[in-house]
């Protein structure tokens, strides 16, 4: 983007602080207000468009912006002669057929999300299959080192995600961060595939974690900022859906390579995860940059052009641009460009941001300590410890990824119909019950009965995980934060995600040794019931709100919301 195109209004530090204080003070007001107010007089709307056009030199878009603004102000004007029959039909399909009405630009953005997600799942299942091979090749017998080779990427992602993502995002934008993560993903996968000892494979795993952290904190935010509100939940589900597909593909590769003699078997397993990031890097610059990142960084014209590409008609793009611009102006956030340390401070000092961070943390906690990562990373180990041969165990693990993929695909059709909160409350108890079921099954003496019942428990678990907490946790991280702290919020939440993943992966071998595999599964089963209680009282519904309207959902804080739900529960 050229410097001539960029409109830069640089507020002083005092202006930034004043803007931040004003935004934060609004969060304590008990009156219910709309972020975007429609039904204004036509003359007022057209006057606002004239001011916008003049301020940002958008004369060639004036007629389109006027039509988009009038449509945003009053959707009924769509029936007037100012809009063509083709536009009426396409805009109507946004509600009746949200997926089929996606534009080519939005489809490319969703495809990039999907490809980036495949890499996570492939690495997780690939290393789960290769672990027995490289532990034998490098004589890794210490349980702590065994856990570290699996958990090293999560440690690096947890420690480095927050500072790197926030700093890079401010300067380069969402797509460039994804490109960097793809380079790390390709090179890291090849390094671990060619490792000649414990030291190099540990380095490769840590290095891969940097890319994982950058990608996981950026891609869901990019997707949420590009997607239409009516289908945002379903599109965000693609992240978890294709992580699950990656798990399945990794297991398929594991099964294909498991019977190869010698070290080549496990090297091919963990080296194969370089394919997905390589393909992602080829297509990441085809869709446009996030319109919310562009407008937040002074690229107002580019933000409008991005939304025009991301919507199924030009007038839909101009409508959403007008809503975005007016919403951010209303919240005084266009001027509130905070430094990275102000962003992090605001995560905890602002009541609205604290509530959003709590909701994201609860989703991440439920996802990590719900037990799914144990099943993905240790399926082969759990089954072999239960007396199943390694080849059959790896073949059985394919169903974990496949089942989760099918479940999250189903969830993408349900999330914007029934909502995030409802699906969490329906699925979490079933997940907990499945882990208790699996823990009891492992004590069955007869091999075939134990294998059949054990796999059934695992598959039912991943079905409900894929419909519930799995994809919904990432959806909440992506859509709950305010624009002023969106990248810091996502980076912080994903840092917590990876650190919890590290702790879980490191502690499972010792937990299984001291408590027994069944005892460990009972522990994580109970955790699902705890998260269910917390979700009931503290997670609000977010479906079909724009990202800016969610400011109103969260502005009263978590305590206020929990008290409301307590009163409803007891009929007060």
Protein backbone atom coordinates (compact mmCIF):
# COMPACT_ATOMS: atom_id res chain seq x y z
CA UNK A 1 0.00 0.00 0.00
CA UNK A 2 1.43 3.30 -1.02
CA UNK A 3 2.07 6.09 1.41
CA UNK A 4 -0.05 8.47 -0.71
CA UNK A 5 -3.11 6.33 -0.15
CA UNK A 6 -2.74 6.06 3.55
CA UNK A 7 -4.59 8.68 5.57
CA UNK A 8 -2.73 9.14 8.80
CA UNK A 9 -4.16 10.98 11.78
CA UNK A 10 -1.68 10.48 14.58
CA UNK A 11 -3.12 11.42 17.95
CA UNK A 12 -0.87 12.49 20.78
CA UNK A 13 -0.33 10.24 23.79
CA UNK A 14 -2.73 12.35 25.84
CA UNK A 15 -5.39 12.06 23.11
CA UNK A 16 -4.88 8.29 23.03
CA UNK A 17 -5.31 8.07 26.79
CA UNK A 18 -8.40 10.31 26.66
CA UNK A 19 -9.94 8.21 23.92
CA UNK A 20 -9.20 5.03 25.88
CA UNK A 21 -10.67 6.46 29.08
CA UNK A 22 -13.80 7.54 27.20
CA UNK A 23 -14.23 4.11 25.62
CA UNK A 24 -13.67 2.38 28.96
CA UNK A 25 -15.99 4.71 30.84
CA UNK A 26 -18.80 3.84 28.43
CA UNK A 27 -18.51 0.23 29.56
CA UNK A 28 -19.78 1.15 33.03
CA UNK A 29 -22.96 2.85 31.84
CA UNK A 30 -26.06 0.81 32.65
CA UNK A 31 -28.17 2.22 29.79
CA UNK A 32 -28.64 -0.07 26.80
CA UNK A 33 -27.49 1.62 23.60
CA UNK A 34 -27.03 0.40 20.07
CA UNK A 35 -23.56 0.59 18.59
CA UNK A 36 -25.07 1.39 15.21
CA UNK A 37 -28.29 3.41 15.17
CA UNK A 38 -30.44 3.11 12.06
CA UNK A 39 -33.63 4.88 10.99
CA UNK A 40 -32.01 8.29 10.79
CA UNK A 41 -33.44 10.93 8.44
CA UNK A 42 -32.25 10.35 4.86
CA UNK A 43 -30.70 13.82 4.70
CA UNK A 44 -28.59 13.10 7.79
CA UNK A 45 -27.31 9.82 6.35
CA UNK A 46 -26.38 11.41 3.02
CA UNK A 47 -24.65 14.26 4.85
CA UNK A 48 -22.53 11.74 6.78
CA UNK A 49 -21.63 10.02 3.50
CA UNK A 50 -20.62 13.37 1.97
CA UNK A 51 -18.34 14.05 4.94
CA UNK A 52 -16.81 10.58 4.68
CA UNK A 53 -16.21 10.93 0.94
CA UNK A 54 -14.64 14.36 1.32
CA UNK A 55 -12.43 13.38 4.26
CA UNK A 56 -10.98 10.27 2.65
CA UNK A 57 -11.10 11.26 -1.05
CA UNK A 58 -13.64 8.59 -2.04
CA UNK A 59 -15.48 10.53 -4.77
CA UNK A 60 -15.64 7.59 -7.20
CA UNK A 61 -17.48 5.58 -4.53
CA UNK A 62 -19.96 8.31 -3.52
CA UNK A 63 -23.00 6.88 -5.30
CA UNK A 64 -22.24 3.34 -4.06
CA UNK A 65 -21.61 4.54 -0.48
CA UNK A 66 -24.86 6.52 -0.50
CA UNK A 67 -26.85 3.45 -1.56
CA UNK A 68 -25.03 1.25 0.97
CA UNK A 69 -25.53 3.75 3.79
CA UNK A 70 -29.24 4.12 3.05
CA UNK A 71 -29.60 0.33 3.03
CA UNK A 72 -27.77 0.07 6.37
CA UNK A 73 -29.98 2.80 7.81
CA UNK A 74 -33.24 1.21 6.62
CA UNK A 75 -33.21 -2.30 5.04
CA UNK A 76 -36.68 -1.68 3.59
CA UNK A 77 -35.23 0.70 0.99
CA UNK A 78 -33.99 -2.42 -0.81
CA UNK A 79 -37.48 -2.65 -2.32
CA UNK A 80 -37.18 0.79 -3.99
CA UNK A 81 -36.03 1.54 -7.53
CA UNK A 82 -32.53 2.51 -6.28
CA UNK A 83 -31.64 -1.19 -6.12
CA UNK A 84 -31.74 -3.71 -8.95
CA UNK A 85 -33.63 -7.00 -8.91
CA UNK A 86 -30.27 -8.82 -8.97
CA UNK A 87 -29.12 -6.94 -5.87
CA UNK A 88 -32.39 -7.67 -4.07
CA UNK A 89 -32.08 -11.38 -4.82
CA UNK A 90 -28.43 -11.64 -3.74
CA UNK A 91 -28.90 -9.65 -0.54
CA UNK A 92 -31.97 -11.73 0.35
CA UNK A 93 -29.93 -14.93 -0.05
CA UNK A 94 -27.48 -13.68 2.59
CA UNK A 95 -30.09 -14.62 5.21
CA UNK A 96 -31.68 -17.67 3.60
CA UNK A 97 -28.51 -19.28 2.17
CA UNK A 98 -25.53 -17.67 3.98
CA UNK A 99 -22.93 -20.15 2.72
CA UNK A 100 -24.14 -20.21 -0.88
CA UNK A 101 -24.16 -16.41 -0.98
CA UNK A 102 -20.49 -16.00 -0.04
CA UNK A 103 -18.40 -13.98 -2.48
CA UNK A 104 -15.32 -15.34 -4.21
CA UNK A 105 -13.09 -13.18 -1.99
CA UNK A 106 -14.74 -14.55 1.18
CA UNK A 107 -14.43 -18.11 -0.12
CA UNK A 108 -10.69 -17.59 -0.62
CA UNK A 109 -10.39 -16.14 2.90
CA UNK A 110 -12.23 -19.18 4.29
CA UNK A 111 -10.00 -21.50 2.24
CA UNK A 112 -6.87 -19.92 3.73
CA UNK A 113 -8.34 -20.44 7.19
CA UNK A 114 -8.99 -24.09 6.39
CA UNK A 115 -5.54 -24.79 4.97
CA UNK A 116 -3.79 -23.07 7.87
CA UNK A 117 -5.80 -25.19 10.31
CA UNK A 118 -4.92 -28.49 8.59
CA UNK A 119 -1.27 -28.03 9.61
CA UNK A 120 -2.11 -28.02 13.33
CA UNK A 121 -4.04 -31.23 13.19
CA UNK A 122 -1.49 -32.99 10.99
CA UNK A 123 1.40 -32.14 13.30
CA UNK A 124 -0.50 -33.22 16.40
CA UNK A 125 -1.51 -36.62 15.04
CA UNK A 126 1.71 -37.17 13.05
CA UNK A 127 3.90 -36.79 16.12
CA UNK A 128 1.46 -38.98 18.05
CA UNK A 129 2.14 -41.76 15.54
CA UNK A 130 5.86 -41.12 15.23
CA UNK A 131 6.54 -40.87 18.96
CA UNK A 132 7.10 -44.60 19.45
CA UNK A 133 9.57 -44.65 16.55
CA UNK A 134 11.78 -41.71 17.45
CA UNK A 135 11.77 -42.60 21.14
CA UNK A 136 13.21 -45.98 20.20
CA UNK A 137 15.67 -44.50 17.65
CA UNK A 138 17.06 -41.90 20.09
CA UNK A 139 16.67 -44.09 23.21
CA UNK A 140 14.35 -41.63 24.97
CA UNK A 141 13.21 -43.43 28.11
CA UNK A 142 12.79 -40.57 30.61
CA UNK A 143 9.04 -39.74 30.92
CA UNK A 144 9.79 -36.02 31.25
CA UNK A 145 11.82 -35.96 28.02
CA UNK A 146 9.18 -38.06 26.28
CA UNK A 147 6.56 -35.49 27.22
CA UNK A 148 8.83 -32.58 26.29
CA UNK A 149 9.37 -33.79 22.72
CA UNK A 150 5.60 -33.78 22.26
CA UNK A 151 4.93 -30.56 24.18
CA UNK A 152 7.86 -28.39 23.03
CA UNK A 153 5.87 -26.53 20.31
CA UNK A 154 3.21 -25.60 22.85
CA UNK A 155 5.83 -24.14 25.21
CA UNK A 156 7.32 -21.97 22.46
CA UNK A 157 3.89 -20.91 21.23
CA UNK A 158 2.75 -20.06 24.76
CA UNK A 159 5.79 -17.96 25.64
CA UNK A 160 6.37 -16.12 22.35
CA UNK A 161 2.90 -15.78 20.81
CA UNK A 162 1.79 -12.64 22.68
CA UNK A 163 4.75 -10.29 22.06
CA UNK A 164 5.50 -11.46 18.51
CA UNK A 165 1.91 -11.37 17.29
CA UNK A 166 1.08 -7.95 18.72
CA UNK A 167 4.29 -6.35 17.42
CA UNK A 168 4.13 -7.88 13.92
CA UNK A 169 0.43 -7.23 13.53
CA UNK A 170 0.74 -3.50 14.17
CA UNK A 171 3.22 -3.11 11.34
CA UNK A 172 2.44 -5.79 8.76
CA UNK A 173 -1.18 -6.93 9.07
CA UNK A 174 -2.87 -10.32 9.32
CA UNK A 175 -1.84 -11.98 6.05
CA UNK A 176 1.89 -11.33 6.47
CA UNK A 177 1.86 -13.01 9.88
CA UNK A 178 0.19 -16.06 8.33
CA UNK A 179 2.87 -16.11 5.61
CA UNK A 180 5.65 -16.08 8.23
CA UNK A 181 3.96 -18.92 10.10
CA UNK A 182 3.79 -20.94 6.87
CA UNK A 183 7.54 -20.54 6.29
CA UNK A 184 8.21 -21.74 9.84
CA UNK A 185 5.78 -24.63 9.37
CA UNK A 186 7.48 -25.90 6.20
CA UNK A 187 11.05 -25.53 7.41
CA UNK A 188 10.31 -26.85 10.91
CA UNK A 189 8.59 -29.97 9.59
CA UNK A 190 11.55 -30.77 7.34
CA UNK A 191 14.06 -30.18 10.16
CA UNK A 192 12.29 -32.59 12.50
CA UNK A 193 11.97 -35.14 9.70
CA UNK A 194 15.76 -35.04 9.14
CA UNK A 195 16.68 -34.91 12.84
CA UNK A 196 19.73 -36.99 13.81
CA UNK A 197 19.30 -36.85 17.57
CA UNK A 198 17.28 -35.64 20.52
CA UNK A 199 18.75 -32.12 20.45
CA UNK A 200 17.78 -31.38 16.87
CA UNK A 201 14.27 -32.78 17.16
CA UNK A 202 13.70 -30.67 20.30
CA UNK A 203 14.94 -27.58 18.44
CA UNK A 204 12.64 -28.34 15.49
CA UNK A 205 9.65 -28.81 17.80
CA UNK A 206 10.33 -25.51 19.60
CA UNK A 207 10.82 -23.72 16.29
CA UNK A 208 7.53 -25.10 14.97
CA UNK A 209 5.81 -23.71 18.05
CA UNK A 210 6.64 -20.14 17.03
CA UNK A 211 4.76 -20.62 13.76
CA UNK A 212 1.88 -22.34 15.54
CA UNK A 213 1.50 -19.42 17.94
CA UNK A 214 1.57 -16.77 15.21
CA UNK A 215 -0.92 -18.62 13.03
CA UNK A 216 -3.37 -19.66 15.75
CA UNK A 217 -3.68 -16.15 17.16
CA UNK A 218 -4.05 -14.48 13.75
CA UNK A 219 -6.10 -16.71 11.44
CA UNK A 220 -9.33 -16.85 13.52
CA UNK A 221 -9.20 -13.07 14.02
CA UNK A 222 -8.65 -12.52 10.30
CA UNK A 223 -11.59 -14.78 9.50
CA UNK A 224 -13.91 -13.11 12.03
CA UNK A 225 -13.05 -9.66 10.70
CA UNK A 226 -13.76 -10.69 7.10
CA UNK A 227 -16.92 -12.78 7.56
CA UNK A 228 -20.51 -11.48 7.37
CA UNK A 229 -22.21 -11.43 10.78
CA UNK A 230 -24.97 -13.82 9.68
CA UNK A 231 -22.51 -16.61 8.82
CA UNK A 232 -19.50 -15.70 10.99
CA UNK A 233 -19.96 -18.59 13.42
CA UNK A 234 -20.13 -21.18 10.66
CA UNK A 235 -17.08 -19.76 8.87
CA UNK A 236 -15.10 -19.63 12.10
CA UNK A 237 -16.01 -23.29 12.64
CA UNK A 238 -13.85 -24.09 9.62
CA UNK A 239 -10.78 -23.53 11.81
CA UNK A 240 -11.62 -26.42 14.13
CA UNK A 241 -13.20 -28.46 11.33
CA UNK A 242 -10.00 -28.49 9.34
CA UNK A 243 -7.81 -29.00 12.39
CA UNK A 244 -9.84 -32.19 12.77
CA UNK A 245 -9.31 -32.98 9.08
CA UNK A 246 -5.59 -32.48 9.64
CA UNK A 247 -5.71 -34.92 12.56
CA UNK A 248 -7.43 -37.43 10.29
CA UNK A 249 -4.96 -36.89 7.43
CA UNK A 250 -2.02 -37.20 9.83
CA UNK A 251 -3.41 -40.50 11.07
CA UNK A 252 -3.87 -41.70 7.48
CA UNK A 253 -0.24 -40.86 6.72
CA UNK A 254 0.80 -42.61 9.91
CA UNK A 255 -1.03 -45.73 8.84
CA UNK A 256 0.51 -45.53 5.37
CA UNK A 257 4.06 -45.25 6.74
CA UNK A 258 3.85 -47.42 9.86
CA UNK A 259 4.91 -50.65 8.16
CA UNK A 260 7.99 -49.14 6.47
CA UNK A 261 11.14 -50.63 7.93
CA UNK A 262 13.57 -48.63 10.07
CA UNK A 263 13.67 -44.94 10.92
CA UNK A 264 12.23 -43.86 7.57
CA UNK A 265 8.76 -44.69 8.91
CA UNK A 266 8.59 -42.09 11.68
CA UNK A 267 10.58 -39.52 9.64
CA UNK A 268 7.97 -39.61 6.88
CA UNK A 269 5.19 -39.29 9.47
CA UNK A 270 6.42 -36.06 11.02
CA UNK A 271 7.92 -34.67 7.80
CA UNK A 272 4.60 -34.93 5.96
CA UNK A 273 3.16 -32.02 7.94
CA UNK A 274 5.08 -29.58 5.69
CA UNK A 275 2.50 -29.95 2.89
CA UNK A 276 -0.34 -27.86 4.36
CA UNK A 277 1.69 -24.73 5.25
CA UNK A 278 3.37 -24.82 1.82
CA UNK A 279 -0.01 -24.73 0.07
CA UNK A 280 -1.30 -22.04 2.44
CA UNK A 281 1.68 -19.81 1.63
CA UNK A 282 0.83 -20.02 -2.09
CA UNK A 283 -2.72 -18.70 -1.63
CA UNK A 284 -2.60 -16.43 1.43
CA UNK A 285 -2.36 -13.20 -0.60
CA UNK A 286 -5.26 -14.04 -2.93
CA UNK A 287 -8.03 -12.86 -0.52
CA UNK A 288 -8.00 -9.22 0.66
CA UNK A 289 -6.57 -7.96 3.95
CA UNK A 290 -8.88 -7.67 6.95
CA UNK A 291 -11.11 -4.58 6.47
CA UNK A 292 -11.10 -3.91 10.22
CA UNK A 293 -7.30 -3.99 10.37
CA UNK A 294 -7.15 -1.65 7.38
CA UNK A 295 -9.57 0.93 8.75
CA UNK A 296 -7.97 0.73 12.20
CA UNK A 297 -4.60 1.55 10.66
CA UNK A 298 -5.72 4.46 8.48
CA UNK A 299 -6.30 2.61 5.20
CA UNK A 300 -9.93 3.69 4.82
CA UNK A 301 -10.14 3.36 1.03
CA UNK A 302 -8.54 -0.08 1.11
CA UNK A 303 -10.97 -1.14 3.85
CA UNK A 304 -13.92 -0.24 1.63
CA UNK A 305 -12.40 -2.06 -1.35
CA UNK A 306 -11.70 -5.10 0.83
CA UNK A 307 -15.33 -5.30 1.99
CA UNK A 308 -16.58 -4.93 -1.58
CA UNK A 309 -14.51 -8.02 -2.50
CA UNK A 310 -15.65 -9.90 0.60
CA UNK A 311 -19.40 -9.46 0.03
CA UNK A 312 -21.61 -10.89 -2.69
CA UNK A 313 -22.61 -7.47 -4.06
CA UNK A 314 -20.88 -4.11 -4.13
CA UNK A 315 -23.78 -2.49 -2.31
CA UNK A 316 -23.51 -5.12 0.48
CA UNK A 317 -19.84 -4.24 0.84
CA UNK A 318 -20.54 -0.53 1.01
CA UNK A 319 -23.38 -1.17 3.51
CA UNK A 320 -21.09 -3.14 5.82
CA UNK A 321 -18.33 -0.53 5.41
CA UNK A 322 -20.71 2.23 6.44
CA UNK A 323 -21.86 0.23 9.48
CA UNK A 324 -18.22 -0.51 10.41
CA UNK A 325 -17.12 3.12 10.01
CA UNK A 326 -20.05 4.59 11.90
CA UNK A 327 -19.81 1.98 14.66
CA UNK A 328 -16.14 2.63 15.26
CA UNK A 329 -16.64 6.39 15.09
CA UNK A 330 -19.50 6.06 17.57
CA UNK A 331 -17.25 4.16 19.95
CA UNK A 332 -14.43 6.70 19.49
CA UNK A 333 -12.12 3.89 18.49
CA UNK A 334 -10.76 5.16 15.20
CA UNK A 335 -8.61 7.58 17.20
CA UNK A 336 -7.77 5.16 20.00
CA UNK A 337 -4.74 3.45 18.44
CA UNK A 338 -3.02 2.06 21.47
CA UNK A 339 0.56 0.99 21.96
CA UNK A 340 1.16 -2.70 22.60
CA UNK A 341 1.57 -2.23 26.36
CA UNK A 342 -1.61 -0.10 26.50
CA UNK A 343 -3.47 -2.90 24.71
CA UNK A 344 -2.29 -5.50 27.21
CA UNK A 345 -3.11 -3.23 30.15
CA UNK A 346 -6.58 -2.60 28.76
CA UNK A 347 -7.27 -6.35 28.66
CA UNK A 348 -7.40 -6.28 32.46
CA UNK A 349 -8.33 -2.68 33.34
CA UNK A 350 -11.41 -2.38 31.08
CA UNK A 351 -14.53 -4.15 32.38
CA UNK A 352 -15.70 -4.97 28.85
CA UNK A 353 -12.33 -6.42 27.86
CA UNK A 354 -12.05 -8.41 31.10
CA UNK A 355 -15.40 -10.06 30.46
CA UNK A 356 -14.41 -11.01 26.90
CA UNK A 357 -11.05 -12.33 28.14
CA UNK A 358 -12.80 -14.45 30.79
CA UNK A 359 -15.14 -15.97 28.19
CA UNK A 360 -12.20 -16.77 25.89
CA UNK A 361 -10.18 -18.20 28.78
CA UNK A 362 -13.07 -20.41 29.87
CA UNK A 363 -13.47 -21.74 26.33
CA UNK A 364 -9.74 -22.42 26.04
CA UNK A 365 -9.65 -24.08 29.48
CA UNK A 366 -12.56 -26.32 28.58
CA UNK A 367 -11.01 -27.26 25.27
CA UNK A 368 -7.60 -28.11 26.68
CA UNK A 369 -8.64 -29.80 29.93
CA UNK A 370 -11.66 -31.49 28.41
CA UNK A 371 -9.41 -34.40 27.44
CA UNK A 372 -9.33 -34.24 23.64
CA UNK A 373 -5.60 -33.57 23.36
CA UNK A 374 -4.90 -36.66 25.43
CA UNK A 375 -6.90 -38.73 22.96
CA UNK A 376 -5.27 -37.14 19.90
CA UNK A 377 -1.65 -37.24 21.10
CA UNK A 378 -1.82 -40.48 23.07
CA UNK A 379 -4.46 -42.61 21.32
CA UNK A 380 -1.86 -45.07 20.06
CA UNK A 381 -0.14 -45.13 23.46
CA UNK A 382 -3.41 -45.59 25.40
CA UNK A 383 -4.49 -48.45 23.15
CA UNK A 384 -1.09 -50.20 23.12
CA UNK A 385 -0.91 -49.93 26.91
CA UNK A 386 -4.32 -51.60 26.95
CA UNK A 387 -2.88 -54.55 25.02
CA UNK A 388 -3.63 -53.54 21.40
CA UNK A 389 -0.86 -53.98 18.81
CA UNK A 390 0.70 -50.72 17.45
CA UNK A 391 -0.56 -51.11 13.85
CA UNK A 392 -4.17 -51.62 14.99
CA UNK A 393 -3.84 -48.77 17.49
CA UNK A 394 -2.67 -46.32 14.80
CA UNK A 395 -5.44 -47.49 12.45
CA UNK A 396 -7.99 -46.96 15.21
CA UNK A 397 -6.73 -43.41 15.81
CA UNK A 398 -7.81 -42.41 12.27
CA UNK A 399 -11.39 -42.36 13.53
CA UNK A 400 -10.53 -39.71 16.14
CA UNK A 401 -9.68 -37.12 13.49
CA UNK A 402 -12.32 -38.31 11.06
CA UNK A 403 -15.07 -38.23 13.67
CA UNK A 404 -14.08 -34.79 14.86
CA UNK A 405 -13.99 -33.51 11.26
CA UNK A 406 -17.52 -34.77 10.57
CA UNK A 407 -18.76 -33.40 13.89
CA UNK A 408 -17.35 -29.92 13.37
CA UNK A 409 -18.77 -29.86 9.85
CA UNK A 410 -22.17 -30.62 11.40
CA UNK A 411 -21.53 -27.95 14.02
CA UNK A 412 -20.91 -25.36 11.29
CA UNK A 413 -24.50 -25.91 10.16
CA UNK A 414 -25.87 -25.52 13.70
CA UNK A 415 -23.85 -22.79 15.42
CA UNK A 416 -25.56 -19.77 13.85
CA UNK A 417 -28.98 -21.40 14.28
CA UNK A 418 -28.80 -22.50 17.92
CA UNK A 419 -25.95 -20.34 19.21
CA UNK A 420 -22.62 -20.89 20.96
CA UNK A 421 -23.94 -20.99 24.52
CA UNK A 422 -26.71 -23.51 23.85
CA UNK A 423 -24.36 -25.93 22.08
CA UNK A 424 -21.84 -25.74 24.92
CA UNK A 425 -24.45 -26.51 27.55
CA UNK A 426 -25.75 -29.49 25.57
CA UNK A 427 -22.39 -31.12 24.76
CA UNK A 428 -20.10 -30.66 27.79
CA UNK A 429 -21.89 -33.19 30.08
CA UNK A 430 -21.79 -35.85 27.34
CA UNK A 431 -18.02 -35.35 26.89
CA UNK A 432 -17.48 -35.79 30.61
CA UNK A 433 -19.58 -38.96 30.67
CA UNK A 434 -17.63 -40.41 27.72
CA UNK A 435 -14.30 -40.04 29.53
CA UNK A 436 -15.70 -41.81 32.59
CA UNK A 437 -16.98 -44.50 30.22
CA UNK A 438 -13.56 -44.87 28.57
CA UNK A 439 -11.76 -45.00 31.91
CA UNK A 440 -13.95 -47.88 33.03
CA UNK A 441 -13.64 -49.75 29.71
CA UNK A 442 -9.85 -49.92 29.92
CA UNK A 443 -10.24 -52.30 32.86
CA UNK A 444 -12.05 -54.92 30.72
CA UNK A 445 -9.91 -58.06 30.40
CA UNK A 446 -10.97 -59.36 26.98
CA UNK A 447 -8.96 -57.68 24.18
CA UNK A 448 -11.59 -57.45 21.43
CA UNK A 449 -14.30 -56.19 23.77
CA UNK A 450 -11.90 -53.63 25.26
CA UNK A 451 -10.87 -52.39 21.77
CA UNK A 452 -14.42 -52.13 20.45
CA UNK A 453 -15.88 -50.44 23.54
CA UNK A 454 -12.84 -48.17 23.96
CA UNK A 455 -12.97 -46.91 20.37
CA UNK A 456 -16.73 -46.40 20.67
CA UNK A 457 -16.22 -44.21 23.77
CA UNK A 458 -13.51 -42.22 21.99
CA UNK A 459 -15.62 -41.71 18.87
CA UNK A 460 -18.70 -40.56 20.80
CA UNK A 461 -16.48 -38.18 22.77
CA UNK A 462 -14.98 -36.56 19.65
CA UNK A 463 -18.44 -36.31 18.08
CA UNK A 464 -19.72 -34.13 20.92
CA UNK A 465 -16.38 -32.34 21.28
CA UNK A 466 -16.51 -31.46 17.58
CA UNK A 467 -20.04 -30.09 17.92
CA UNK A 468 -19.29 -28.18 21.11
CA UNK A 469 -16.27 -26.84 22.97
CA UNK A 470 -13.71 -27.71 20.26
CA UNK A 471 -14.74 -25.24 17.57
CA UNK A 472 -16.70 -22.90 19.84
CA UNK A 473 -13.64 -22.08 21.97
CA UNK A 474 -11.79 -20.64 18.96
CA UNK A 475 -14.96 -18.87 17.80
CA UNK A 476 -15.23 -17.09 21.16
CA UNK A 477 -11.57 -16.03 21.06
CA UNK A 478 -12.06 -14.57 17.59
CA UNK A 479 -15.34 -12.71 18.02
CA UNK A 480 -15.50 -11.49 21.63
CA UNK A 481 -12.69 -8.86 21.84
CA UNK A 482 -13.06 -5.15 21.18
CA UNK A 483 -11.27 -3.81 18.10
CA UNK A 484 -8.88 -1.74 20.25
CA UNK A 485 -7.41 -4.89 21.82
CA UNK A 486 -8.43 -7.61 19.33
CA UNK A 487 -4.92 -8.78 18.46
CA UNK A 488 -3.63 -8.58 22.04
CA UNK A 489 -6.70 -10.48 23.26
CA UNK A 490 -6.27 -13.23 20.68
CA UNK A 491 -2.53 -13.49 21.26
CA UNK A 492 -2.95 -13.64 25.05
CA UNK A 493 -5.73 -16.23 24.82
CA UNK A 494 -3.73 -18.40 22.45
CA UNK A 495 -0.65 -18.09 24.68
CA UNK A 496 -2.77 -19.49 27.51
CA UNK A 497 -4.06 -22.16 25.13
CA UNK A 498 -0.57 -23.36 24.23
CA UNK A 499 0.75 -23.18 27.79
CA UNK A 500 -2.17 -25.28 28.99
CA UNK A 501 -1.51 -27.69 26.13
CA UNK A 502 2.15 -27.87 27.20
CA UNK A 503 1.24 -28.57 30.82
CA UNK A 504 -1.30 -31.19 29.83
CA UNK A 505 1.04 -33.01 27.44
CA UNK A 506 3.91 -32.93 29.91
CA UNK A 507 1.87 -34.15 32.85
CA UNK A 508 -0.10 -36.95 31.18
CA UNK A 509 2.70 -39.58 31.21
CA UNK A 510 3.25 -39.06 34.95
CA UNK A 511 -0.48 -38.80 35.63
CA UNK A 512 -1.10 -42.07 33.80
CA UNK A 513 1.78 -43.66 35.73
CA UNK A 514 0.69 -42.46 39.19
CA UNK A 515 -3.12 -42.44 38.82
CA UNK A 516 -3.42 -45.05 36.10
CA UNK A 517 -4.83 -44.29 32.65
CA UNK A 518 -8.36 -44.69 33.98
CA UNK A 519 -7.75 -42.29 36.87
CA UNK A 520 -6.40 -39.65 34.52
CA UNK A 521 -9.42 -39.97 32.26
CA UNK A 522 -11.74 -39.62 35.28
CA UNK A 523 -9.94 -36.39 36.20
CA UNK A 524 -10.49 -34.84 32.78
CA UNK A 525 -14.05 -36.15 32.66
CA UNK A 526 -14.85 -34.29 35.88
CA UNK A 527 -13.34 -31.13 34.40
CA UNK A 528 -16.01 -31.09 31.68
CA UNK A 529 -18.74 -30.87 34.32
CA UNK A 530 -16.93 -27.98 36.05
CA UNK A 531 -16.69 -26.05 32.78
CA UNK A 532 -20.38 -26.73 32.15
CA UNK A 533 -21.32 -24.98 35.42
CA UNK A 534 -19.07 -21.99 34.70
CA UNK A 535 -20.36 -21.73 31.13
CA UNK A 536 -23.97 -21.63 32.33
CA UNK A 537 -23.34 -18.67 34.61
CA UNK A 538 -20.73 -16.65 32.69
CA UNK A 539 -20.82 -17.21 28.90
CA UNK A 540 -23.37 -15.04 27.02
CA UNK A 541 -24.79 -15.73 23.57
CA UNK A 542 -22.94 -14.02 20.69
CA UNK A 543 -24.67 -15.36 17.56
CA UNK A 544 -25.64 -12.95 14.77
CA UNK A 545 -24.24 -9.81 16.43
CA UNK A 546 -21.71 -7.79 14.47
CA UNK A 547 -18.30 -7.57 16.12
CA UNK A 548 -19.03 -3.95 17.05
CA UNK A 549 -22.46 -4.78 18.54
CA UNK A 550 -20.80 -7.30 20.85
CA UNK A 551 -19.36 -4.33 22.76
CA UNK A 552 -22.89 -3.87 24.14
CA UNK A 553 -23.13 -7.55 25.13
CA UNK A 554 -19.96 -7.43 27.20
CA UNK A 555 -19.90 -3.87 28.55
CA UNK A 556 -21.53 -4.63 31.93
CA UNK A 557 -18.96 -7.24 32.98
CA UNK A 558 -18.98 -10.88 34.00
CA UNK A 559 -20.24 -10.32 37.56
CA UNK A 560 -23.33 -8.50 36.33
CA UNK A 561 -24.06 -11.28 33.83
CA UNK A 562 -23.51 -14.07 36.38
CA UNK A 563 -25.91 -12.36 38.83
CA UNK A 564 -28.53 -12.11 36.07
CA UNK A 565 -28.28 -15.84 35.36
CA UNK A 566 -28.41 -16.70 39.05
CA UNK A 567 -31.63 -14.70 39.43
CA UNK A 568 -33.12 -16.43 36.38
CA UNK A 569 -32.15 -19.86 37.72
CA UNK A 570 -33.90 -19.27 41.03
CA UNK A 571 -36.84 -17.39 39.51
CA UNK A 572 -36.08 -14.02 41.03
